[in-house]
N, C-alpha and C. Protein backbone atom coordinates (compact mmCIF):
# COMPACT_ATOMS: atom_id res chain seq x y z
N MET A 1 0.84 -1.17 0.02
CA MET A 1 0.00 -0.01 0.03
C MET A 1 0.92 1.23 -0.04
N ARG A 2 0.51 2.18 -0.81
CA ARG A 2 1.36 3.42 -0.91
C ARG A 2 1.00 4.24 0.31
N PRO A 3 2.05 5.10 0.71
CA PRO A 3 1.84 5.94 1.87
C PRO A 3 0.66 6.82 1.78
N GLN A 4 0.36 7.36 0.63
CA GLN A 4 -0.79 8.31 0.53
C GLN A 4 -2.10 7.53 0.85
N HIS A 5 -2.21 6.27 0.36
CA HIS A 5 -3.33 5.51 0.69
C HIS A 5 -3.52 5.21 2.23
N ALA A 6 -2.41 4.91 2.75
CA ALA A 6 -2.35 4.61 4.14
C ALA A 6 -2.91 5.91 5.01
N VAL A 7 -2.47 7.03 4.61
CA VAL A 7 -2.88 8.24 5.23
C VAL A 7 -4.37 8.42 5.10
N TRP A 8 -4.93 8.18 3.89
CA TRP A 8 -6.31 8.39 3.65
C TRP A 8 -7.14 7.34 4.46
N VAL A 9 -6.63 6.13 4.48
CA VAL A 9 -7.37 5.12 5.26
C VAL A 9 -7.41 5.42 6.73
N ALA A 10 -6.22 5.84 7.25
CA ALA A 10 -6.14 6.22 8.70
C ALA A 10 -7.06 7.43 8.97
N ALA A 11 -7.05 8.41 8.12
CA ALA A 11 -7.87 9.56 8.35
C ALA A 11 -9.31 9.17 8.28
N THR A 12 -9.74 8.34 7.41
CA THR A 12 -11.14 7.82 7.30
C THR A 12 -11.57 7.13 8.50
N VAL A 13 -10.69 6.19 8.99
CA VAL A 13 -10.95 5.41 10.20
C VAL A 13 -11.12 6.32 11.41
N ILE A 14 -10.15 7.26 11.62
CA ILE A 14 -10.21 8.12 12.74
C ILE A 14 -11.50 9.02 12.69
N LEU A 15 -11.79 9.53 11.49
CA LEU A 15 -13.05 10.38 11.30
C LEU A 15 -14.31 9.56 11.63
N ALA A 16 -14.28 8.29 11.16
CA ALA A 16 -15.48 7.49 11.31
C ALA A 16 -15.71 7.25 12.88
N VAL A 17 -14.59 6.92 13.53
CA VAL A 17 -14.73 6.70 15.00
C VAL A 17 -15.15 7.96 15.71
N LEU A 18 -14.53 9.11 15.40
CA LEU A 18 -14.94 10.35 15.97
C LEU A 18 -16.33 10.80 15.79
N VAL A 19 -16.91 10.38 14.60
CA VAL A 19 -18.25 10.84 14.23
C VAL A 19 -19.27 9.72 14.62
N LEU A 20 -18.96 8.50 14.25
CA LEU A 20 -19.96 7.41 14.38
C LEU A 20 -20.13 6.95 15.81
N LEU A 21 -19.08 6.93 16.64
CA LEU A 21 -19.17 6.58 18.00
C LEU A 21 -20.04 7.47 18.85
N PRO A 22 -19.90 8.75 18.76
CA PRO A 22 -20.89 9.64 19.56
C PRO A 22 -22.27 9.58 19.04
N VAL A 23 -22.42 9.38 17.69
CA VAL A 23 -23.86 9.24 17.17
C VAL A 23 -24.46 7.93 17.70
N TYR A 24 -23.70 6.86 17.76
CA TYR A 24 -24.18 5.59 18.26
C TYR A 24 -24.65 5.75 19.65
N HIS A 25 -23.82 6.40 20.49
CA HIS A 25 -24.18 6.66 21.97
C HIS A 25 -25.36 7.57 22.08
N LEU A 26 -25.53 8.58 21.21
CA LEU A 26 -26.70 9.40 21.26
C LEU A 26 -28.03 8.55 20.89
N VAL A 27 -27.96 7.86 19.86
CA VAL A 27 -29.12 7.00 19.50
C VAL A 27 -29.43 6.07 20.55
N VAL A 28 -28.49 5.32 21.18
CA VAL A 28 -28.80 4.38 22.30
C VAL A 28 -29.39 5.14 23.45
N ALA A 29 -28.86 6.28 23.83
CA ALA A 29 -29.35 7.12 24.97
C ALA A 29 -30.77 7.59 24.66
N SER A 30 -31.06 7.89 23.42
CA SER A 30 -32.36 8.37 23.06
C SER A 30 -33.50 7.28 23.31
N PHE A 31 -33.14 6.13 23.21
CA PHE A 31 -34.12 4.96 23.42
C PHE A 31 -34.05 4.52 24.88
N THR A 32 -33.20 4.99 25.71
CA THR A 32 -33.04 4.41 26.98
C THR A 32 -33.70 5.37 28.04
N THR A 33 -34.47 4.86 28.93
CA THR A 33 -34.93 5.56 30.14
C THR A 33 -34.58 4.83 31.35
N LYS A 34 -34.99 5.35 32.54
CA LYS A 34 -34.57 4.64 33.83
C LYS A 34 -35.27 3.29 33.89
N ASP A 35 -36.31 3.09 33.12
CA ASP A 35 -37.07 1.80 33.12
C ASP A 35 -36.54 0.83 32.00
N GLY A 36 -35.62 1.21 31.19
CA GLY A 36 -35.06 0.33 30.20
C GLY A 36 -35.35 0.94 28.88
N LEU A 37 -35.43 0.10 27.83
CA LEU A 37 -35.62 0.64 26.44
C LEU A 37 -37.10 1.15 26.30
N SER A 38 -37.22 2.31 25.63
CA SER A 38 -38.58 2.85 25.46
C SER A 38 -38.56 3.97 24.47
N LEU A 39 -39.78 4.27 24.01
CA LEU A 39 -39.92 5.36 23.06
C LEU A 39 -40.42 6.62 23.80
N ALA A 40 -40.39 6.69 25.09
CA ALA A 40 -40.88 7.70 25.89
C ALA A 40 -40.15 9.06 25.61
N ASN A 41 -38.94 9.09 25.35
CA ASN A 41 -38.24 10.28 25.02
C ASN A 41 -38.79 10.89 23.71
N TYR A 42 -39.10 10.06 22.73
CA TYR A 42 -39.68 10.59 21.46
C TYR A 42 -41.10 11.05 21.69
N ALA A 43 -41.88 10.34 22.52
CA ALA A 43 -43.23 10.81 22.76
C ALA A 43 -43.23 12.13 23.48
N GLN A 44 -42.23 12.40 24.30
CA GLN A 44 -42.13 13.67 25.00
C GLN A 44 -41.86 14.89 23.99
N LEU A 45 -41.20 14.53 22.88
CA LEU A 45 -41.00 15.59 21.90
C LEU A 45 -42.32 16.18 21.42
N LEU A 46 -43.33 15.29 21.32
CA LEU A 46 -44.61 15.81 20.84
C LEU A 46 -45.56 16.38 21.87
N ARG A 47 -45.14 16.18 23.08
CA ARG A 47 -46.02 16.71 24.20
C ARG A 47 -45.49 18.06 24.78
N VAL A 48 -44.19 18.24 24.88
CA VAL A 48 -43.70 19.46 25.56
C VAL A 48 -43.53 20.63 24.57
N ARG A 49 -44.11 21.68 24.88
CA ARG A 49 -44.22 22.93 23.99
C ARG A 49 -42.85 23.38 23.62
N ARG A 50 -41.97 23.40 24.54
CA ARG A 50 -40.57 23.91 24.21
C ARG A 50 -39.95 23.05 23.17
N PHE A 51 -40.10 21.72 23.17
CA PHE A 51 -39.54 20.85 22.16
C PHE A 51 -40.25 21.03 20.78
N GLN A 52 -41.56 21.34 20.85
CA GLN A 52 -42.20 21.51 19.61
C GLN A 52 -41.70 22.79 18.93
N GLU A 53 -41.48 23.86 19.73
CA GLU A 53 -40.91 25.08 19.20
C GLU A 53 -39.57 24.92 18.62
N ALA A 54 -38.77 24.10 19.30
CA ALA A 54 -37.36 23.89 18.83
C ALA A 54 -37.40 23.04 17.48
N MET A 55 -38.33 22.13 17.46
CA MET A 55 -38.42 21.42 16.17
C MET A 55 -38.91 22.29 15.04
N LEU A 56 -39.85 23.17 15.31
CA LEU A 56 -40.36 24.03 14.28
C LEU A 56 -39.27 25.03 13.87
N ASN A 57 -38.49 25.58 14.80
CA ASN A 57 -37.41 26.47 14.44
C ASN A 57 -36.37 25.77 13.62
N SER A 58 -36.01 24.54 13.96
CA SER A 58 -35.08 23.71 13.18
C SER A 58 -35.62 23.49 11.73
N LEU A 59 -36.88 23.27 11.61
CA LEU A 59 -37.52 23.05 10.33
C LEU A 59 -37.45 24.28 9.50
N LEU A 60 -37.81 25.40 10.10
CA LEU A 60 -37.87 26.65 9.41
C LEU A 60 -36.45 27.12 8.97
N LEU A 61 -35.47 26.86 9.82
CA LEU A 61 -34.09 27.27 9.46
C LEU A 61 -33.55 26.35 8.36
N GLY A 62 -33.97 25.11 8.33
CA GLY A 62 -33.53 24.20 7.33
C GLY A 62 -34.17 24.66 5.93
N VAL A 63 -35.47 24.94 5.95
CA VAL A 63 -36.14 25.37 4.75
C VAL A 63 -35.56 26.67 4.23
N ALA A 64 -35.37 27.63 5.10
CA ALA A 64 -34.86 28.95 4.70
C ALA A 64 -33.39 28.79 4.13
N SER A 65 -32.56 27.99 4.71
CA SER A 65 -31.20 27.77 4.32
C SER A 65 -31.20 27.16 2.94
N SER A 66 -32.15 26.14 2.71
CA SER A 66 -32.22 25.49 1.44
C SER A 66 -32.61 26.42 0.28
N ILE A 67 -33.62 27.24 0.62
CA ILE A 67 -34.13 28.22 -0.40
C ILE A 67 -33.06 29.25 -0.73
N PHE A 68 -32.33 29.77 0.27
CA PHE A 68 -31.26 30.70 0.05
C PHE A 68 -30.16 30.12 -0.70
N GLY A 69 -29.77 28.78 -0.49
CA GLY A 69 -28.76 28.12 -1.17
C GLY A 69 -29.07 27.94 -2.59
N MET A 70 -30.33 27.52 -2.83
CA MET A 70 -30.83 27.36 -4.20
C MET A 70 -30.77 28.63 -5.03
N LEU A 71 -31.27 29.70 -4.42
CA LEU A 71 -31.25 30.98 -5.09
C LEU A 71 -29.85 31.44 -5.43
N ILE A 72 -28.90 31.32 -4.47
CA ILE A 72 -27.52 31.70 -4.81
C ILE A 72 -26.91 30.79 -5.82
N GLY A 73 -27.19 29.49 -5.70
CA GLY A 73 -26.60 28.55 -6.70
C GLY A 73 -27.21 28.81 -8.10
N THR A 74 -28.54 29.04 -8.18
CA THR A 74 -29.13 29.35 -9.49
C THR A 74 -28.55 30.62 -10.11
N LEU A 75 -28.45 31.64 -9.26
CA LEU A 75 -27.86 32.85 -9.77
C LEU A 75 -26.42 32.64 -10.26
N LEU A 76 -25.57 31.99 -9.46
CA LEU A 76 -24.23 31.78 -9.88
C LEU A 76 -24.19 30.93 -11.17
N ALA A 77 -25.02 29.89 -11.23
CA ALA A 77 -24.96 29.07 -12.44
C ALA A 77 -25.34 29.83 -13.66
N TRP A 78 -26.36 30.69 -13.56
CA TRP A 78 -26.80 31.54 -14.64
C TRP A 78 -25.77 32.56 -15.07
N LEU A 79 -25.14 33.21 -14.01
CA LEU A 79 -24.07 34.16 -14.32
C LEU A 79 -22.81 33.51 -15.02
N VAL A 80 -22.45 32.31 -14.53
CA VAL A 80 -21.30 31.71 -15.10
C VAL A 80 -21.59 31.15 -16.53
N SER A 81 -22.78 30.65 -16.78
CA SER A 81 -23.05 30.07 -18.03
C SER A 81 -23.56 31.07 -19.13
N ARG A 82 -24.20 32.11 -18.70
CA ARG A 82 -24.85 33.00 -19.70
C ARG A 82 -24.25 34.34 -19.78
N THR A 83 -23.30 34.70 -18.98
CA THR A 83 -22.72 36.10 -19.04
C THR A 83 -21.23 35.95 -19.24
N ASP A 84 -20.65 37.08 -19.52
CA ASP A 84 -19.15 37.19 -19.61
C ASP A 84 -18.64 37.96 -18.43
N MET A 85 -18.96 37.53 -17.23
CA MET A 85 -18.58 38.14 -16.05
C MET A 85 -17.09 38.01 -15.68
N PRO A 86 -16.55 38.92 -14.93
CA PRO A 86 -15.16 38.70 -14.47
C PRO A 86 -15.08 37.61 -13.44
N PHE A 87 -13.93 37.01 -13.36
CA PHE A 87 -13.62 35.84 -12.48
C PHE A 87 -14.57 34.66 -12.70
N ARG A 88 -15.03 34.50 -13.92
CA ARG A 88 -15.91 33.36 -14.29
C ARG A 88 -15.31 32.06 -14.03
N ARG A 89 -14.05 31.81 -14.38
CA ARG A 89 -13.38 30.56 -14.15
C ARG A 89 -13.22 30.25 -12.65
N LEU A 90 -12.88 31.34 -11.91
CA LEU A 90 -12.72 31.21 -10.47
C LEU A 90 -14.04 30.72 -9.83
N ILE A 91 -15.15 31.35 -10.20
CA ILE A 91 -16.42 30.99 -9.63
C ILE A 91 -16.78 29.53 -10.08
N ARG A 92 -16.54 29.21 -11.35
CA ARG A 92 -16.77 27.88 -11.72
C ARG A 92 -16.07 26.85 -10.95
N ALA A 93 -14.72 27.18 -10.77
CA ALA A 93 -13.88 26.23 -9.98
C ALA A 93 -14.36 26.14 -8.59
N ALA A 94 -14.76 27.29 -7.98
CA ALA A 94 -15.19 27.31 -6.61
C ALA A 94 -16.48 26.64 -6.37
N THR A 95 -17.31 26.52 -7.38
CA THR A 95 -18.61 25.81 -7.21
C THR A 95 -18.57 24.38 -7.76
N PHE A 96 -17.47 23.92 -8.15
CA PHE A 96 -17.31 22.52 -8.59
C PHE A 96 -18.22 22.14 -9.74
N THR A 97 -18.38 23.03 -10.70
CA THR A 97 -19.25 22.73 -11.88
C THR A 97 -18.58 22.23 -13.09
N GLY A 98 -17.34 21.94 -12.98
CA GLY A 98 -16.58 21.46 -14.09
C GLY A 98 -16.54 22.00 -15.41
């Protein structure tokens, strides 16, 4: 194995452990209560007003971010493909549009 491949494999394994292990513990803890395995934590999400507001805020932020990203992406795509704007190649490279 070439050294470059070994570095990429090591980085991938380290990143996977650093990301997947905490996610695993979070998922297990979300299904665990003092009485054992349960969906009570998820039922509480639908009952408690504060959690409902947090979920709504997260949903609204996600939708707003997606719309903003699509608008910016559409504008940049149009500018790069249909106009003779300065720094056209730089923008195309920065947006990975080949």
